[in-house]
Amino acid sequence: MTVANRKVYCTFPKELIKEPLLYNLGKNFNVIPNIRGASITDEVGLVYLELEGDEAEIEKAVQYLRERKVRVDDVVGDAAPPL
């Protein structure tokens, strides 16, 4: 198993803001989600997230988020996107 880190920028639509999707990442997949920054309103949730774990598990976790209608964009470089 190769431990990897992947930084992503997630946009949660209004209807998913109160669902424990990030909790589910740690529980259902062998990944450690680390919230690096967030801005949450009643209309949208923007989360800068670092995922640590096996590359295949990280990909499964990202796919889970996308299936739940979360927009997931990879962060390139070390700079955090504006929230």
PDB file of N, CA and C in Angstrom:
ATOM      1  N   MET A   1       0.843  -1.181   0.000  1.00  0.00           N
ATOM      2  CA  MET A   1       0.000   0.000   0.000  1.00  0.00           C
ATOM      3  C   MET A   1       0.883   1.237   0.000  1.00  0.00           C
ATOM      4  N   THR A   2       0.597   2.152  -0.909  1.00  0.00           N
ATOM      5  CA  THR A   2       1.310   3.406  -0.987  1.00  0.00           C
ATOM      6  C   THR A   2       0.426   4.510  -0.411  1.00  0.00           C
ATOM      7  N   VAL A   3       0.957   5.189   0.608  1.00  0.00           N
ATOM      8  CA  VAL A   3       0.197   6.287   1.208  1.00  0.00           C
ATOM      9  C   VAL A   3       0.333   7.508   0.317  1.00  0.00           C
ATOM     10  N   ALA A   4      -0.805   8.098   0.005  1.00  0.00           N
ATOM     11  CA  ALA A   4      -0.833   9.265  -0.874  1.00  0.00           C
ATOM     12  C   ALA A   4      -1.621  10.378  -0.207  1.00  0.00           C
ATOM     13  N   ASN A   5      -1.397  11.588  -0.668  1.00  0.00           N
ATOM     14  CA  ASN A   5      -2.173  12.759  -0.263  1.00  0.00           C
ATOM     15  C   ASN A   5      -2.766  13.366  -1.516  1.00  0.00           C
ATOM     16  N   ARG A   6      -4.011  13.758  -1.421  1.00  0.00           N
ATOM     17  CA  ARG A   6      -4.673  14.428  -2.544  1.00  0.00           C
ATOM     18  C   ARG A   6      -5.475  15.583  -1.979  1.00  0.00           C
ATOM     19  N   LYS A   7      -5.253  16.767  -2.527  1.00  0.00           N
ATOM     20  CA  LYS A   7      -5.983  17.949  -2.095  1.00  0.00           C
ATOM     21  C   LYS A   7      -7.073  18.241  -3.119  1.00  0.00           C
ATOM     22  N   VAL A   8      -8.270  18.459  -2.606  1.00  0.00           N
ATOM     23  CA  VAL A   8      -9.405  18.714  -3.476  1.00  0.00           C
ATOM     24  C   VAL A   8     -10.225  19.879  -2.934  1.00  0.00           C
ATOM     25  N   TYR A   9     -10.948  20.500  -3.817  1.00  0.00           N
ATOM     26  CA  TYR A   9     -11.840  21.594  -3.496  1.00  0.00           C
ATOM     27  C   TYR A   9     -13.241  21.081  -3.770  1.00  0.00           C
ATOM     28  N   CYS A  10     -14.070  20.985  -2.730  1.00  0.00           N
ATOM     29  CA  CYS A  10     -15.400  20.407  -2.850  1.00  0.00           C
ATOM     30  C   CYS A  10     -16.470  21.493  -2.740  1.00  0.00           C
ATOM     31  N   THR A  11     -17.444  21.407  -3.612  1.00  0.00           N
ATOM     32  CA  THR A  11     -18.590  22.300  -3.570  1.00  0.00           C
ATOM     33  C   THR A  11     -19.827  21.455  -3.296  1.00  0.00           C
ATOM     34  N   PHE A  12     -20.407  21.674  -2.105  1.00  0.00           N
ATOM     35  CA  PHE A  12     -21.587  20.928  -1.687  1.00  0.00           C
ATOM     36  C   PHE A  12     -22.835  21.746  -1.991  1.00  0.00           C
ATOM     37  N   PRO A  13     -23.782  21.177  -2.750  1.00  0.00           N
ATOM     38  CA  PRO A  13     -25.013  21.910  -3.006  1.00  0.00           C
ATOM     39  C   PRO A  13     -25.863  22.028  -1.739  1.00  0.00           C
ATOM     40  N   LYS A  14     -26.786  22.946  -1.775  1.00  0.00           N
ATOM     41  CA  LYS A  14     -27.636  23.266  -0.630  1.00  0.00           C
ATOM     42  C   LYS A  14     -28.228  22.023   0.036  1.00  0.00           C
ATOM     43  N   GLU A  15     -28.732  21.097  -0.750  1.00  0.00           N
ATOM     44  CA  GLU A  15     -29.425  19.933  -0.191  1.00  0.00           C
ATOM     45  C   GLU A  15     -28.500  18.933   0.510  1.00  0.00           C
ATOM     46  N   LEU A  16     -27.182  19.089   0.359  1.00  0.00           N
ATOM     47  CA  LEU A  16     -26.237  18.155   0.988  1.00  0.00           C
ATOM     48  C   LEU A  16     -25.478  18.754   2.166  1.00  0.00           C
ATOM     49  N   ILE A  17     -25.682  20.025   2.458  1.00  0.00           N
ATOM     50  CA  ILE A  17     -24.881  20.701   3.477  1.00  0.00           C
ATOM     51  C   ILE A  17     -24.977  20.022   4.841  1.00  0.00           C
ATOM     52  N   LYS A  18     -26.134  19.525   5.197  1.00  0.00           N
ATOM     53  CA  LYS A  18     -26.324  18.948   6.531  1.00  0.00           C
ATOM     54  C   LYS A  18     -26.051  17.452   6.595  1.00  0.00           C
ATOM     55  N   GLU A  19     -25.712  16.841   5.467  1.00  0.00           N
ATOM     56  CA  GLU A  19     -25.399  15.414   5.467  1.00  0.00           C
ATOM     57  C   GLU A  19     -23.947  15.190   5.898  1.00  0.00           C
ATOM     58  N   PRO A  20     -23.673  14.121   6.661  1.00  0.00           N
ATOM     59  CA  PRO A  20     -22.319  13.874   7.170  1.00  0.00           C
ATOM     60  C   PRO A  20     -21.410  13.173   6.148  1.00  0.00           C
ATOM     61  N   LEU A  21     -21.269  13.751   4.970  1.00  0.00           N
ATOM     62  CA  LEU A  21     -20.512  13.098   3.903  1.00  0.00           C
ATOM     63  C   LEU A  21     -19.034  12.961   4.236  1.00  0.00           C
ATOM     64  N   LEU A  22     -18.431  13.959   4.868  1.00  0.00           N
ATOM     65  CA  LEU A  22     -17.007  13.864   5.204  1.00  0.00           C
ATOM     66  C   LEU A  22     -16.772  12.833   6.299  1.00  0.00           C
ATOM     67  N   TYR A  23     -17.680  12.746   7.237  1.00  0.00           N
ATOM     68  CA  TYR A  23     -17.604  11.688   8.248  1.00  0.00           C
ATOM     69  C   TYR A  23     -17.639  10.316   7.569  1.00  0.00           C
ATOM     70  N   ASN A  24     -18.521  10.171   6.587  1.00  0.00           N
ATOM     71  CA  ASN A  24     -18.640   8.901   5.873  1.00  0.00           C
ATOM     72  C   ASN A  24     -17.359   8.530   5.132  1.00  0.00           C
ATOM     73  N   LEU A  25     -16.596   9.524   4.674  1.00  0.00           N
ATOM     74  CA  LEU A  25     -15.332   9.216   3.992  1.00  0.00           C
ATOM     75  C   LEU A  25     -14.395   8.462   4.914  1.00  0.00           C
ATOM     76  N   GLY A  26     -14.268   8.944   6.153  1.00  0.00           N
ATOM     77  CA  GLY A  26     -13.392   8.285   7.106  1.00  0.00           C
ATOM     78  C   GLY A  26     -13.931   6.955   7.581  1.00  0.00           C
ATOM     79  N   LYS A  27     -15.235   6.833   7.640  1.00  0.00           N
ATOM     80  CA  LYS A  27     -15.851   5.604   8.143  1.00  0.00           C
ATOM     81  C   LYS A  27     -15.934   4.511   7.084  1.00  0.00           C
ATOM     82  N   ASN A  28     -16.306   4.897   5.854  1.00  0.00           N
ATOM     83  CA  ASN A  28     -16.580   3.906   4.813  1.00  0.00           C
ATOM     84  C   ASN A  28     -15.404   3.606   3.889  1.00  0.00           C
ATOM     85  N   PHE A  29     -14.399   4.476   3.911  1.00  0.00           N
ATOM     86  CA  PHE A  29     -13.226   4.290   3.060  1.00  0.00           C
ATOM     87  C   PHE A  29     -11.994   4.395   3.951  1.00  0.00           C
ATOM     88  N   ASN A  30     -10.935   3.789   3.554  1.00  0.00           N
ATOM     89  CA  ASN A  30      -9.709   3.811   4.349  1.00  0.00           C
ATOM     90  C   ASN A  30      -8.915   5.073   4.021  1.00  0.00           C
ATOM     91  N   VAL A  31      -9.530   6.230   4.310  1.00  0.00           N
ATOM     92  CA  VAL A  31      -8.887   7.522   4.078  1.00  0.00           C
ATOM     93  C   VAL A  31      -9.058   8.396   5.314  1.00  0.00           C
ATOM     94  N   ILE A  32      -8.148   9.344   5.455  1.00  0.00           N
ATOM     95  CA  ILE A  32      -8.231  10.331   6.527  1.00  0.00           C
ATOM     96  C   ILE A  32      -8.563  11.662   5.877  1.00  0.00           C
ATOM     97  N   PRO A  33      -9.785  12.180   6.099  1.00  0.00           N
ATOM     98  CA  PRO A  33     -10.116  13.494   5.565  1.00  0.00           C
ATOM     99  C   PRO A  33      -9.655  14.591   6.519  1.00  0.00           C
ATOM    100  N   ASN A  34      -8.944  15.583   5.989  1.00  0.00           N
ATOM    101  CA  ASN A  34      -8.454  16.698   6.781  1.00  0.00           C
ATOM    102  C   ASN A  34      -8.980  17.986   6.154  1.00  0.00           C
ATOM    103  N   ILE A  35      -9.859  18.683   6.878  1.00  0.00           N
ATOM    104  CA  ILE A  35     -10.419  19.928   6.363  1.00  0.00           C
ATOM    105  C   ILE A  35      -9.373  21.024   6.534  1.00  0.00           C
ATOM    106  N   ARG A  36      -8.914  21.569   5.424  1.00  0.00           N
ATOM    107  CA  ARG A  36      -7.880  22.611   5.435  1.00  0.00           C
ATOM    108  C   ARG A  36      -8.490  24.000   5.412  1.00  0.00           C
ATOM    109  N   GLY A  37      -9.738  24.104   5.008  1.00  0.00           N
ATOM    110  CA  GLY A  37     -10.441  25.376   4.979  1.00  0.00           C
ATOM    111  C   GLY A  37     -11.873  25.130   4.559  1.00  0.00           C
ATOM    112  N   ALA A  38     -12.783  26.003   4.996  1.00  0.00           N
ATOM    113  CA  ALA A  38     -14.187  25.816   4.629  1.00  0.00           C
ATOM    114  C   ALA A  38     -14.953  27.123   4.761  1.00  0.00           C
ATOM    115  N   SER A  39     -15.984  27.236   3.961  1.00  0.00           N
ATOM    116  CA  SER A  39     -16.937  28.325   4.045  1.00  0.00           C
ATOM    117  C   SER A  39     -18.311  27.709   3.789  1.00  0.00           C
ATOM    118  N   ILE A  40     -19.161  27.754   4.809  1.00  0.00           N
ATOM    119  CA  ILE A  40     -20.468  27.114   4.723  1.00  0.00           C
ATOM    120  C   ILE A  40     -21.555  28.162   4.947  1.00  0.00           C
ATOM    121  N   THR A  41     -22.520  28.209   4.044  1.00  0.00           N
ATOM    122  CA  THR A  41     -23.687  29.068   4.210  1.00  0.00           C
ATOM    123  C   THR A  41     -24.927  28.187   4.082  1.00  0.00           C
ATOM    124  N   ASP A  42     -26.085  28.788   4.153  1.00  0.00           N
ATOM    125  CA  ASP A  42     -27.324  28.039   3.952  1.00  0.00           C
ATOM    126  C   ASP A  42     -27.508  27.610   2.506  1.00  0.00           C
ATOM    127  N   GLU A  43     -26.759  28.223   1.598  1.00  0.00           N
ATOM    128  CA  GLU A  43     -26.925  27.962   0.169  1.00  0.00           C
ATOM    129  C   GLU A  43     -25.881  27.022  -0.437  1.00  0.00           C
ATOM    130  N   VAL A  44     -24.658  27.031   0.117  1.00  0.00           N
ATOM    131  CA  VAL A  44     -23.575  26.247  -0.479  1.00  0.00           C
ATOM    132  C   VAL A  44     -22.503  25.964   0.570  1.00  0.00           C
ATOM    133  N   GLY A  45     -21.812  24.856   0.390  1.00  0.00           N
ATOM    134  CA  GLY A  45     -20.671  24.536   1.238  1.00  0.00           C
ATOM    135  C   GLY A  45     -19.432  24.408   0.382  1.00  0.00           C
ATOM    136  N   LEU A  46     -18.390  25.173   0.708  1.00  0.00           N
ATOM    137  CA  LEU A  46     -17.114  25.112  -0.004  1.00  0.00           C
ATOM    138  C   LEU A  46     -16.080  24.576   0.967  1.00  0.00           C
ATOM    139  N   VAL A  47     -15.438  23.476   0.608  1.00  0.00           N
ATOM    140  CA  VAL A  47     -14.494  22.835   1.517  1.00  0.00           C
ATOM    141  C   VAL A  47     -13.203  22.519   0.774  1.00  0.00           C
ATOM    142  N   TYR A  48     -12.098  22.952   1.363  1.00  0.00           N
ATOM    143  CA  TYR A  48     -10.755  22.616   0.875  1.00  0.00           C
ATOM    144  C   TYR A  48     -10.322  21.422   1.712  1.00  0.00           C
ATOM    145  N   LEU A  49     -10.166  20.278   1.087  1.00  0.00           N
ATOM    146  CA  LEU A  49     -10.003  19.009   1.781  1.00  0.00           C
ATOM    147  C   LEU A  49      -8.732  18.302   1.340  1.00  0.00           C
ATOM    148  N   GLU A  50      -8.020  17.739   2.312  1.00  0.00           N
ATOM    149  CA  GLU A  50      -6.872  16.889   2.019  1.00  0.00           C
ATOM    150  C   GLU A  50      -7.247  15.469   2.405  1.00  0.00           C
ATOM    151  N   LEU A  51      -7.069  14.559   1.469  1.00  0.00           N
ATOM    152  CA  LEU A  51      -7.353  13.149   1.716  1.00  0.00           C
ATOM    153  C   LEU A  51      -6.046  12.385   1.771  1.00  0.00           C
ATOM    154  N   GLU A  52      -5.886  11.583   2.812  1.00  0.00           N
ATOM    155  CA  GLU A  52      -4.670  10.778   2.968  1.00  0.00           C
ATOM    156  C   GLU A  52      -5.065   9.316   3.033  1.00  0.00           C
ATOM    157  N   GLY A  53      -4.309   8.482   2.320  1.00  0.00           N
ATOM    158  CA  GLY A  53      -4.568   7.048   2.322  1.00  0.00           C
ATOM    159  C   GLY A  53      -4.035   6.419   1.055  1.00  0.00           C
ATOM    160  N   ASP A  54      -4.433   5.194   0.826  1.00  0.00           N
ATOM    161  CA  ASP A  54      -4.057   4.486  -0.387  1.00  0.00           C
ATOM    162  C   ASP A  54      -4.712   5.168  -1.591  1.00  0.00           C
ATOM    163  N   GLU A  55      -3.982   5.288  -2.688  1.00  0.00           N
ATOM    164  CA  GLU A  55      -4.494   5.986  -3.864  1.00  0.00           C
ATOM    165  C   GLU A  55      -5.835   5.426  -4.337  1.00  0.00           C
ATOM    166  N   ALA A  56      -5.988   4.112  -4.312  1.00  0.00           N
ATOM    167  CA  ALA A  56      -7.239   3.495  -4.760  1.00  0.00           C
ATOM    168  C   ALA A  56      -8.391   3.865  -3.827  1.00  0.00           C
ATOM    169  N   GLU A  57      -8.140   3.914  -2.535  1.00  0.00           N
ATOM    170  CA  GLU A  57      -9.181   4.291  -1.571  1.00  0.00           C
ATOM    171  C   GLU A  57      -9.553   5.763  -1.708  1.00  0.00           C
ATOM    172  N   ILE A  58      -8.553   6.604  -1.956  1.00  0.00           N
ATOM    173  CA  ILE A  58      -8.832   8.018  -2.174  1.00  0.00           C
ATOM    174  C   ILE A  58      -9.718   8.183  -3.396  1.00  0.00           C
ATOM    175  N   GLU A  59      -9.412   7.467  -4.450  1.00  0.00           N
ATOM    176  CA  GLU A  59     -10.223   7.563  -5.668  1.00  0.00           C
ATOM    177  C   GLU A  59     -11.652   7.092  -5.408  1.00  0.00           C
ATOM    178  N   LYS A  60     -11.823   6.039  -4.630  1.00  0.00           N
ATOM    179  CA  LYS A  60     -13.171   5.567  -4.278  1.00  0.00           C
ATOM    180  C   LYS A  60     -13.916   6.624  -3.468  1.00  0.00           C
ATOM    181  N   ALA A  61     -13.222   7.285  -2.557  1.00  0.00           N
ATOM    182  CA  ALA A  61     -13.844   8.320  -1.734  1.00  0.00           C
ATOM    183  C   ALA A  61     -14.278   9.507  -2.595  1.00  0.00           C
ATOM    184  N   VAL A  62     -13.430   9.911  -3.530  1.00  0.00           N
ATOM    185  CA  VAL A  62     -13.766  11.014  -4.432  1.00  0.00           C
ATOM    186  C   VAL A  62     -14.959  10.622  -5.308  1.00  0.00           C
ATOM    187  N   GLN A  63     -14.965   9.413  -5.787  1.00  0.00           N
ATOM    188  CA  GLN A  63     -16.073   8.937  -6.610  1.00  0.00           C
ATOM    189  C   GLN A  63     -17.385   8.936  -5.807  1.00  0.00           C
ATOM    190  N   TYR A  64     -17.313   8.540  -4.549  1.00  0.00           N
ATOM    191  CA  TYR A  64     -18.481   8.577  -3.663  1.00  0.00           C
ATOM    192  C   TYR A  64     -19.045   9.991  -3.567  1.00  0.00           C
ATOM    193  N   LEU A  65     -18.168  10.973  -3.355  1.00  0.00           N
ATOM    194  CA  LEU A  65     -18.621  12.356  -3.276  1.00  0.00           C
ATOM    195  C   LEU A  65     -19.281  12.795  -4.575  1.00  0.00           C
ATOM    196  N   ARG A  66     -18.664  12.453  -5.685  1.00  0.00           N
ATOM    197  CA  ARG A  66     -19.219  12.839  -6.986  1.00  0.00           C
ATOM    198  C   ARG A  66     -20.575  12.166  -7.233  1.00  0.00           C
ATOM    199  N   GLU A  67     -20.707  10.918  -6.832  1.00  0.00           N
ATOM    200  CA  GLU A  67     -21.987  10.219  -6.982  1.00  0.00           C
ATOM    201  C   GLU A  67     -23.084  10.879  -6.148  1.00  0.00           C
ATOM    202  N   ARG A  68     -22.694  11.505  -5.041  1.00  0.00           N
ATOM    203  CA  ARG A  68     -23.653  12.200  -4.180  1.00  0.00           C
ATOM    204  C   ARG A  68     -23.917  13.622  -4.675  1.00  0.00           C
ATOM    205  N   LYS A  69     -23.354  13.989  -5.839  1.00  0.00           N
ATOM    206  CA  LYS A  69     -23.544  15.295  -6.486  1.00  0.00           C
ATOM    207  C   LYS A  69     -22.714  16.416  -5.865  1.00  0.00           C
ATOM    208  N   VAL A  70     -21.592  16.056  -5.258  1.00  0.00           N
ATOM    209  CA  VAL A  70     -20.629  17.047  -4.782  1.00  0.00           C
ATOM    210  C   VAL A  70     -19.660  17.306  -5.933  1.00  0.00           C
ATOM    211  N   ARG A  71     -19.407  18.568  -6.233  1.00  0.00           N
ATOM    212  CA  ARG A  71     -18.402  18.893  -7.248  1.00  0.00           C
ATOM    213  C   ARG A  71     -17.028  18.786  -6.588  1.00  0.00           C
ATOM    214  N   VAL A  72     -16.139  17.998  -7.189  1.00  0.00           N
ATOM    215  CA  VAL A  72     -14.798  17.788  -6.649  1.00  0.00           C
ATOM    216  C   VAL A  72     -13.779  18.191  -7.704  1.00  0.00           C
ATOM    217  N   ASP A  73     -12.944  19.183  -7.352  1.00  0.00           N
ATOM    218  CA  ASP A  73     -11.882  19.653  -8.240  1.00  0.00           C
ATOM    219  C   ASP A  73     -10.541  19.452  -7.554  1.00  0.00           C
ATOM    220  N   ASP A  74      -9.580  18.910  -8.282  1.00  0.00           N
ATOM    221  CA  ASP A  74      -8.243  18.741  -7.722  1.00  0.00           C
ATOM    222  C   ASP A  74      -7.570  20.092  -7.540  1.00  0.00           C
ATOM    223  N   VAL A  75      -6.831  20.225  -6.449  1.00  0.00           N
ATOM    224  CA  VAL A  75      -6.046  21.426  -6.176  1.00  0.00           C
ATOM    225  C   VAL A  75      -4.636  21.164  -6.669  1.00  0.00           C
ATOM    226  N   VAL A  76      -4.134  22.043  -7.520  1.00  0.00           N
ATOM    227  CA  VAL A  76      -2.788  21.897  -8.068  1.00  0.00           C
ATOM    228  C   VAL A  76      -1.841  22.803  -7.296  1.00  0.00           C
ATOM    229  N   GLY A  77      -0.725  22.266  -6.843  1.00  0.00           N
ATOM    230  CA  GLY A  77       0.241  23.057  -6.081  1.00  0.00           C
ATOM    231  C   GLY A  77      -0.153  23.139  -4.616  1.00  0.00           C
ATOM    232  N   ASP A  78       0.539  23.993  -3.896  1.00  0.00           N
ATOM    233  CA  ASP A  78       0.327  24.124  -2.445  1.00  0.00           C
ATOM    234  C   ASP A  78      -0.624  25.240  -2.062  1.00  0.00           C
ATOM    235  N   ALA A  79      -0.956  26.096  -2.994  1.00  0.00           N
ATOM    236  CA  ALA A  79      -1.801  27.241  -2.656  1.00  0.00           C
ATOM    237  C   ALA A  79      -3.248  26.804  -2.475  1.00  0.00           C
ATOM    238  N   ALA A  80      -3.842  27.225  -1.380  1.00  0.00           N
ATOM    239  CA  ALA A  80      -5.241  26.929  -1.133  1.00  0.00           C
ATOM    240  C   ALA A  80      -6.104  27.799  -2.020  1.00  0.00           C
ATOM    241  N   PRO A  81      -7.157  27.232  -2.566  1.00  0.00           N
ATOM    242  CA  PRO A  81      -8.059  28.047  -3.368  1.00  0.00           C
ATOM    243  C   PRO A  81      -8.823  29.018  -2.473  1.00  0.00           C
ATOM    244  N   PRO A  82      -9.277  30.121  -3.011  1.00  0.00           N
ATOM    245  CA  PRO A  82     -10.053  31.068  -2.191  1.00  0.00           C
ATOM    246  C   PRO A  82     -11.391  30.448  -1.803  1.00  0.00           C
ATOM    247  N   LEU A  83     -11.785  30.664  -0.581  1.00  0.00           N
ATOM    248  CA  LEU A  83     -13.078  30.136  -0.130  1.00  0.00           C
ATOM    249  C   LEU A  83     -14.077  31.254   0.037  1.00  0.00           C
TER     250      LEU A  83
END
